[in-house]
All heavy atoms as atom14 arrays in JSON, in Angstrom:
{
  "sequence": "GIYGVMRAIFAAFNVGFGGVASFVRPVIMPMAEGAI",
  "atom14_mask": [
    [1, 1, 1, 1, 0, 0, 0, 0, 0, 0, 0, 0, 0, 0],
    [1, 1, 1, 1, 1, 1, 1, 1, 0, 0, 0, 0, 0, 0],
    [1, 1, 1, 1, 1, 1, 1, 1, 1, 1, 1, 1, 0, 0],
    [1, 1, 1, 1, 0, 0, 0, 0, 0, 0, 0, 0, 0, 0],
    [1, 1, 1, 1, 1, 1, 1, 0, 0, 0, 0, 0, 0, 0],
    [1, 1, 1, 1, 1, 1, 1, 1, 0, 0, 0, 0, 0, 0],
    [1, 1, 1, 1, 1, 1, 1, 1, 1, 1, 1, 0, 0, 0],
    [1, 1, 1, 1, 1, 0, 0, 0, 0, 0, 0, 0, 0, 0],
    [1, 1, 1, 1, 1, 1, 1, 1, 0, 0, 0, 0, 0, 0],
    [1, 1, 1, 1, 1, 1, 1, 1, 1, 1, 1, 0, 0, 0],
    [1, 1, 1, 1, 1, 0, 0, 0, 0, 0, 0, 0, 0, 0],
    [1, 1, 1, 1, 1, 0, 0, 0, 0, 0, 0, 0, 0, 0],
    [1, 1, 1, 1, 1, 1, 1, 1, 1, 1, 1, 0, 0, 0],
    [1, 1, 1, 1, 1, 1, 1, 1, 0, 0, 0, 0, 0, 0],
    [1, 1, 1, 1, 1, 1, 1, 0, 0, 0, 0, 0, 0, 0],
    [1, 1, 1, 1, 0, 0, 0, 0, 0, 0, 0, 0, 0, 0],
    [1, 1, 1, 1, 1, 1, 1, 1, 1, 1, 1, 0, 0, 0],
    [1, 1, 1, 1, 0, 0, 0, 0, 0, 0, 0, 0, 0, 0],
    [1, 1, 1, 1, 0, 0, 0, 0, 0, 0, 0, 0, 0, 0],
    [1, 1, 1, 1, 1, 1, 1, 0, 0, 0, 0, 0, 0, 0],
    [1, 1, 1, 1, 1, 0, 0, 0, 0, 0, 0, 0, 0, 0],
    [1, 1, 1, 1, 1, 1, 0, 0, 0, 0, 0, 0, 0, 0],
    [1, 1, 1, 1, 1, 1, 1, 1, 1, 1, 1, 0, 0, 0],
    [1, 1, 1, 1, 1, 1, 1, 0, 0, 0, 0, 0, 0, 0],
    [1, 1, 1, 1, 1, 1, 1, 1, 1, 1, 1, 0, 0, 0],
    [1, 1, 1, 1, 1, 1, 1, 0, 0, 0, 0, 0, 0, 0],
    [1, 1, 1, 1, 1, 1, 1, 0, 0, 0, 0, 0, 0, 0],
    [1, 1, 1, 1, 1, 1, 1, 1, 0, 0, 0, 0, 0, 0],
    [1, 1, 1, 1, 1, 1, 1, 1, 0, 0, 0, 0, 0, 0],
    [1, 1, 1, 1, 1, 1, 1, 0, 0, 0, 0, 0, 0, 0],
    [1, 1, 1, 1, 1, 1, 1, 1, 0, 0, 0, 0, 0, 0],
    [1, 1, 1, 1, 1, 0, 0, 0, 0, 0, 0, 0, 0, 0],
    [1, 1, 1, 1, 1, 1, 1, 1, 1, 0, 0, 0, 0, 0],
    [1, 1, 1, 1, 0, 0, 0, 0, 0, 0, 0, 0, 0, 0],
    [1, 1, 1, 1, 1, 0, 0, 0, 0, 0, 0, 0, 0, 0],
    [1, 1, 1, 1, 1, 1, 1, 1, 0, 0, 0, 0, 0, 0]
  ],
  "atom14_positions": [
    [[78.51, 93.86, 111.75], [77.73, 94.9, 111.12], [78.49, 96.22, 111.0], [78.46, 96.89, 109.95], [0.0, 0.0, 0.0], [0.0, 0.0, 0.0], [0.0, 0.0, 0.0], [0.0, 0.0, 0.0], [0.0, 0.0, 0.0], [0.0, 0.0, 0.0], [0.0, 0.0, 0.0], [0.0, 0.0, 0.0], [0.0, 0.0, 0.0], [0.0, 0.0, 0.0]],
    [[79.22, 96.56, 112.08], [80.02, 97.79, 112.03], [81.11, 97.69, 110.96], [81.41, 98.62, 110.2], [80.64, 98.06, 113.41], [79.56, 98.4, 114.42], [81.68, 99.2, 113.34], [80.04, 98.55, 115.85], [0.0, 0.0, 0.0], [0.0, 0.0, 0.0], [0.0, 0.0, 0.0], [0.0, 0.0, 0.0], [0.0, 0.0, 0.0], [0.0, 0.0, 0.0]],
    [[81.69, 96.49, 110.86], [82.71, 96.26, 109.85], [82.13, 96.42, 108.45], [82.76, 96.96, 107.54], [83.33, 94.84, 110.0], [84.24, 94.48, 108.86], [85.45, 95.17, 108.68], [83.92, 93.5, 107.96], [86.31, 94.84, 107.64], [84.76, 93.16, 106.9], [85.96, 93.85, 106.75], [86.79, 93.54, 105.71], [0.0, 0.0, 0.0], [0.0, 0.0, 0.0]],
    [[80.88, 95.95, 108.28], [80.23, 96.05, 106.97], [80.05, 97.51, 106.55], [80.32, 97.85, 105.37], [0.0, 0.0, 0.0], [0.0, 0.0, 0.0], [0.0, 0.0, 0.0], [0.0, 0.0, 0.0], [0.0, 0.0, 0.0], [0.0, 0.0, 0.0], [0.0, 0.0, 0.0], [0.0, 0.0, 0.0], [0.0, 0.0, 0.0], [0.0, 0.0, 0.0]],
    [[79.63, 98.37, 107.46], [79.47, 99.76, 107.15], [80.85, 100.38, 106.78], [80.97, 101.11, 105.79], [78.88, 100.52, 108.37], [78.84, 102.03, 108.08], [77.47, 100.04, 108.62], [0.0, 0.0, 0.0], [0.0, 0.0, 0.0], [0.0, 0.0, 0.0], [0.0, 0.0, 0.0], [0.0, 0.0, 0.0], [0.0, 0.0, 0.0], [0.0, 0.0, 0.0]],
    [[81.85, 100.1, 107.59], [83.2, 100.65, 107.35], [83.71, 100.17, 106.02], [84.3, 100.92, 105.22], [84.13, 100.22, 108.47], [85.58, 100.7, 108.29], [86.64, 100.11, 109.61], [86.7, 98.35, 109.23], [0.0, 0.0, 0.0], [0.0, 0.0, 0.0], [0.0, 0.0, 0.0], [0.0, 0.0, 0.0], [0.0, 0.0, 0.0], [0.0, 0.0, 0.0]],
    [[83.46, 98.87, 105.72], [84.0, 98.28, 104.46], [83.35, 98.94, 103.25], [84.01, 99.17, 102.24], [83.77, 96.79, 104.47], [84.52, 96.05, 103.36], [86.0, 96.1, 103.68], [86.8, 95.35, 102.73], [87.42, 95.89, 101.67], [87.29, 97.18, 101.46], [88.14, 95.14, 100.87], [0.0, 0.0, 0.0], [0.0, 0.0, 0.0], [0.0, 0.0, 0.0]],
    [[82.02, 99.15, 103.33], [81.33, 99.75, 102.2], [81.79, 101.18, 101.92], [81.99, 101.58, 100.79], [79.8, 99.77, 102.49], [0.0, 0.0, 0.0], [0.0, 0.0, 0.0], [0.0, 0.0, 0.0], [0.0, 0.0, 0.0], [0.0, 0.0, 0.0], [0.0, 0.0, 0.0], [0.0, 0.0, 0.0], [0.0, 0.0, 0.0], [0.0, 0.0, 0.0]],
    [[82.06, 101.94, 103.03], [82.51, 103.34, 102.85], [83.89, 103.34, 102.19], [84.15, 104.1, 101.28], [82.54, 104.06, 104.21], [81.1, 104.2, 104.74], [83.24, 105.39, 104.09], [81.02, 104.78, 106.13], [0.0, 0.0, 0.0], [0.0, 0.0, 0.0], [0.0, 0.0, 0.0], [0.0, 0.0, 0.0], [0.0, 0.0, 0.0], [0.0, 0.0, 0.0]],
    [[84.79, 102.5, 102.7], [86.15, 102.49, 102.12], [86.14, 101.92, 100.71], [86.93, 102.38, 99.87], [87.07, 101.62, 103.03], [87.62, 102.38, 104.18], [86.95, 102.43, 105.39], [88.85, 103.02, 104.08], [87.46, 103.17, 106.46], [89.39, 103.73, 105.15], [88.67, 103.8, 106.34], [0.0, 0.0, 0.0], [0.0, 0.0, 0.0], [0.0, 0.0, 0.0]],
    [[85.25, 100.99, 100.42], [85.17, 100.46, 99.08], [84.73, 101.52, 98.08], [85.15, 101.51, 96.91], [84.18, 99.27, 99.04], [0.0, 0.0, 0.0], [0.0, 0.0, 0.0], [0.0, 0.0, 0.0], [0.0, 0.0, 0.0], [0.0, 0.0, 0.0], [0.0, 0.0, 0.0], [0.0, 0.0, 0.0], [0.0, 0.0, 0.0], [0.0, 0.0, 0.0]],
    [[83.88, 102.44, 98.54], [83.4, 103.53, 97.65], [84.55, 104.42, 97.2], [84.48, 105.05, 96.16], [82.37, 104.36, 98.38], [0.0, 0.0, 0.0], [0.0, 0.0, 0.0], [0.0, 0.0, 0.0], [0.0, 0.0, 0.0], [0.0, 0.0, 0.0], [0.0, 0.0, 0.0], [0.0, 0.0, 0.0], [0.0, 0.0, 0.0], [0.0, 0.0, 0.0]],
    [[85.65, 104.42, 97.99], [86.85, 105.2, 97.62], [87.94, 104.28, 97.09], [89.11, 104.71, 96.98], [87.34, 105.99, 98.81], [86.36, 107.1, 99.27], [85.44, 106.84, 100.28], [86.4, 108.31, 98.66], [84.58, 107.82, 100.72], [85.51, 109.33, 99.07], [84.58, 109.07, 100.08], [0.0, 0.0, 0.0], [0.0, 0.0, 0.0], [0.0, 0.0, 0.0]],
    [[87.57, 103.04, 96.82], [88.5, 102.04, 96.26], [89.7, 101.8, 97.2], [90.8, 101.62, 96.72], [88.98, 102.48, 94.87], [89.47, 101.28, 94.08], [88.99, 100.17, 94.16], [90.51, 101.52, 93.24], [0.0, 0.0, 0.0], [0.0, 0.0, 0.0], [0.0, 0.0, 0.0], [0.0, 0.0, 0.0], [0.0, 0.0, 0.0], [0.0, 0.0, 0.0]],
    [[89.44, 101.85, 98.48], [90.52, 101.61, 99.48], [90.25, 100.21, 100.09], [89.23, 99.96, 100.69], [90.48, 102.65, 100.59], [91.52, 102.34, 101.64], [90.71, 104.05, 100.02], [0.0, 0.0, 0.0], [0.0, 0.0, 0.0], [0.0, 0.0, 0.0], [0.0, 0.0, 0.0], [0.0, 0.0, 0.0], [0.0, 0.0, 0.0], [0.0, 0.0, 0.0]],
    [[91.24, 99.36, 99.89], [91.17, 98.0, 100.46], [92.22, 97.81, 101.56], [93.25, 98.47, 101.55], [0.0, 0.0, 0.0], [0.0, 0.0, 0.0], [0.0, 0.0, 0.0], [0.0, 0.0, 0.0], [0.0, 0.0, 0.0], [0.0, 0.0, 0.0], [0.0, 0.0, 0.0], [0.0, 0.0, 0.0], [0.0, 0.0, 0.0], [0.0, 0.0, 0.0]],
    [[91.92, 96.93, 102.52], [92.89, 96.67, 103.55], [93.08, 95.18, 103.77], [93.14, 94.7, 104.88], [92.55, 97.35, 104.86], [91.07, 97.62, 105.06], [90.16, 96.59, 105.32], [90.6, 98.89, 104.93], [88.85, 96.84, 105.51], [89.23, 99.15, 105.15], [88.38, 98.12, 105.42], [0.0, 0.0, 0.0], [0.0, 0.0, 0.0], [0.0, 0.0, 0.0]],
    [[93.2, 94.45, 102.66], [93.59, 93.04, 102.75], [92.51, 92.04, 102.66], [92.77, 90.88, 102.35], [0.0, 0.0, 0.0], [0.0, 0.0, 0.0], [0.0, 0.0, 0.0], [0.0, 0.0, 0.0], [0.0, 0.0, 0.0], [0.0, 0.0, 0.0], [0.0, 0.0, 0.0], [0.0, 0.0, 0.0], [0.0, 0.0, 0.0], [0.0, 0.0, 0.0]],
    [[91.25, 92.39, 102.91], [90.18, 91.45, 102.78], [90.15, 90.39, 103.88], [90.55, 90.63, 105.01], [0.0, 0.0, 0.0], [0.0, 0.0, 0.0], [0.0, 0.0, 0.0], [0.0, 0.0, 0.0], [0.0, 0.0, 0.0], [0.0, 0.0, 0.0], [0.0, 0.0, 0.0], [0.0, 0.0, 0.0], [0.0, 0.0, 0.0], [0.0, 0.0, 0.0]],
    [[89.69, 89.2, 103.51], [89.46, 88.16, 104.5], [90.76, 87.73, 105.17], [90.85, 87.64, 106.4], [88.79, 86.94, 103.84], [88.67, 85.79, 104.83], [87.41, 87.32, 103.32], [0.0, 0.0, 0.0], [0.0, 0.0, 0.0], [0.0, 0.0, 0.0], [0.0, 0.0, 0.0], [0.0, 0.0, 0.0], [0.0, 0.0, 0.0], [0.0, 0.0, 0.0]],
    [[91.8, 87.44, 104.39], [93.04, 86.9, 104.95], [93.8, 87.9, 105.82], [94.34, 87.54, 106.85], [93.94, 86.42, 103.81], [0.0, 0.0, 0.0], [0.0, 0.0, 0.0], [0.0, 0.0, 0.0], [0.0, 0.0, 0.0], [0.0, 0.0, 0.0], [0.0, 0.0, 0.0], [0.0, 0.0, 0.0], [0.0, 0.0, 0.0], [0.0, 0.0, 0.0]],
    [[93.83, 89.18, 105.41], [94.69, 90.14, 106.08], [93.96, 91.07, 107.04], [94.61, 91.88, 107.74], [95.43, 90.98, 105.04], [96.24, 90.15, 104.23], [0.0, 0.0, 0.0], [0.0, 0.0, 0.0], [0.0, 0.0, 0.0], [0.0, 0.0, 0.0], [0.0, 0.0, 0.0], [0.0, 0.0, 0.0], [0.0, 0.0, 0.0], [0.0, 0.0, 0.0]],
    [[92.62, 90.99, 107.09], [91.92, 91.85, 108.02], [90.82, 91.13, 108.8], [90.75, 91.24, 110.02], [91.32, 93.07, 107.29], [90.9, 94.19, 108.21], [91.84, 95.12, 108.67], [89.62, 94.29, 108.68], [91.47, 96.16, 109.51], [89.23, 95.31, 109.54], [90.16, 96.24, 109.96], [0.0, 0.0, 0.0], [0.0, 0.0, 0.0], [0.0, 0.0, 0.0]],
    [[90.0, 90.38, 108.08], [88.87, 89.7, 108.76], [89.41, 88.69, 109.77], [88.99, 88.65, 110.93], [87.94, 89.04, 107.74], [86.92, 88.12, 108.47], [87.22, 90.06, 106.92], [0.0, 0.0, 0.0], [0.0, 0.0, 0.0], [0.0, 0.0, 0.0], [0.0, 0.0, 0.0], [0.0, 0.0, 0.0], [0.0, 0.0, 0.0], [0.0, 0.0, 0.0]],
    [[90.35, 87.84, 109.32], [90.84, 86.79, 110.18], [91.64, 87.31, 111.39], [91.38, 86.91, 112.51], [91.69, 85.77, 109.4], [92.14, 84.57, 110.22], [93.07, 83.73, 109.44], [94.33, 84.41, 109.16], [95.33, 84.5, 109.99], [95.26, 83.91, 111.17], [96.46, 85.14, 109.67], [0.0, 0.0, 0.0], [0.0, 0.0, 0.0], [0.0, 0.0, 0.0]],
    [[92.59, 88.23, 111.17], [93.37, 88.68, 112.33], [92.78, 89.78, 113.15], [93.23, 89.99, 114.28], [94.67, 89.18, 111.65], [94.26, 89.66, 110.32], [93.12, 88.76, 109.89], [0.0, 0.0, 0.0], [0.0, 0.0, 0.0], [0.0, 0.0, 0.0], [0.0, 0.0, 0.0], [0.0, 0.0, 0.0], [0.0, 0.0, 0.0], [0.0, 0.0, 0.0]],
    [[91.74, 90.46, 112.67], [91.18, 91.59, 113.41], [89.73, 91.37, 113.77], [89.32, 91.41, 114.95], [91.37, 92.92, 112.61], [90.73, 94.06, 113.39], [92.82, 93.22, 112.33], [0.0, 0.0, 0.0], [0.0, 0.0, 0.0], [0.0, 0.0, 0.0], [0.0, 0.0, 0.0], [0.0, 0.0, 0.0], [0.0, 0.0, 0.0], [0.0, 0.0, 0.0]],
    [[88.87, 91.17, 112.76], [87.44, 91.06, 112.99], [87.08, 89.81, 113.81], [86.29, 89.85, 114.72], [86.68, 91.08, 111.67], [86.97, 92.37, 110.91], [85.18, 90.94, 111.93], [86.62, 93.63, 111.68], [0.0, 0.0, 0.0], [0.0, 0.0, 0.0], [0.0, 0.0, 0.0], [0.0, 0.0, 0.0], [0.0, 0.0, 0.0], [0.0, 0.0, 0.0]],
    [[87.67, 88.64, 113.45], [87.34, 87.43, 114.19], [87.75, 87.47, 115.67], [86.97, 87.06, 116.53], [87.98, 86.25, 113.49], [87.31, 85.84, 112.17], [85.52, 85.62, 112.32], [85.44, 84.32, 113.56], [0.0, 0.0, 0.0], [0.0, 0.0, 0.0], [0.0, 0.0, 0.0], [0.0, 0.0, 0.0], [0.0, 0.0, 0.0], [0.0, 0.0, 0.0]],
    [[88.95, 87.99, 116.03], [89.24, 88.12, 117.45], [88.27, 89.07, 118.18], [87.95, 88.85, 119.35], [90.68, 88.69, 117.44], [91.25, 88.21, 116.18], [90.15, 88.25, 115.17], [0.0, 0.0, 0.0], [0.0, 0.0, 0.0], [0.0, 0.0, 0.0], [0.0, 0.0, 0.0], [0.0, 0.0, 0.0], [0.0, 0.0, 0.0], [0.0, 0.0, 0.0]],
    [[87.82, 90.12, 117.47], [86.87, 91.04, 118.08], [85.54, 90.34, 118.29], [84.85, 90.53, 119.31], [86.7, 92.28, 117.21], [87.96, 93.14, 117.11], [87.76, 94.61, 116.09], [86.71, 95.6, 117.12], [0.0, 0.0, 0.0], [0.0, 0.0, 0.0], [0.0, 0.0, 0.0], [0.0, 0.0, 0.0], [0.0, 0.0, 0.0], [0.0, 0.0, 0.0]],
    [[85.1, 89.53, 117.31], [83.87, 88.78, 117.45], [83.97, 87.78, 118.62], [83.03, 87.59, 119.39], [83.56, 88.03, 116.16], [0.0, 0.0, 0.0], [0.0, 0.0, 0.0], [0.0, 0.0, 0.0], [0.0, 0.0, 0.0], [0.0, 0.0, 0.0], [0.0, 0.0, 0.0], [0.0, 0.0, 0.0], [0.0, 0.0, 0.0], [0.0, 0.0, 0.0]],
    [[85.12, 87.13, 118.74], [85.35, 86.21, 119.83], [85.38, 86.95, 121.17], [84.83, 86.47, 122.19], [86.67, 85.46, 119.63], [86.98, 84.4, 120.67], [88.23, 83.64, 120.39], [88.81, 83.85, 119.28], [88.68, 82.86, 121.26], [0.0, 0.0, 0.0], [0.0, 0.0, 0.0], [0.0, 0.0, 0.0], [0.0, 0.0, 0.0], [0.0, 0.0, 0.0]],
    [[85.99, 88.14, 121.18], [86.03, 88.93, 122.41], [84.63, 89.36, 122.82], [84.37, 89.49, 124.03], [0.0, 0.0, 0.0], [0.0, 0.0, 0.0], [0.0, 0.0, 0.0], [0.0, 0.0, 0.0], [0.0, 0.0, 0.0], [0.0, 0.0, 0.0], [0.0, 0.0, 0.0], [0.0, 0.0, 0.0], [0.0, 0.0, 0.0], [0.0, 0.0, 0.0]],
    [[83.76, 89.6, 121.88], [82.39, 90.0, 122.22], [81.67, 88.86, 122.9], [80.83, 89.09, 123.82], [81.64, 90.42, 120.92], [0.0, 0.0, 0.0], [0.0, 0.0, 0.0], [0.0, 0.0, 0.0], [0.0, 0.0, 0.0], [0.0, 0.0, 0.0], [0.0, 0.0, 0.0], [0.0, 0.0, 0.0], [0.0, 0.0, 0.0], [0.0, 0.0, 0.0]],
    [[81.95, 87.61, 122.5], [81.31, 86.47, 123.14], [81.81, 86.32, 124.57], [81.04, 86.11, 125.51], [81.64, 85.18, 122.34], [81.04, 85.26, 120.94], [81.09, 83.95, 123.08], [81.42, 84.11, 120.04], [0.0, 0.0, 0.0], [0.0, 0.0, 0.0], [0.0, 0.0, 0.0], [0.0, 0.0, 0.0], [0.0, 0.0, 0.0], [0.0, 0.0, 0.0]]
  ]
}
């Protein structure tokens, strides 16, 4: 959810940081696993 808010804000300024392959998989997924 936090990533969704951050992604929407950055998208409004047309700023991308790699999408699924370059950000979700190496950053968001380990954080989700760490939360578990």
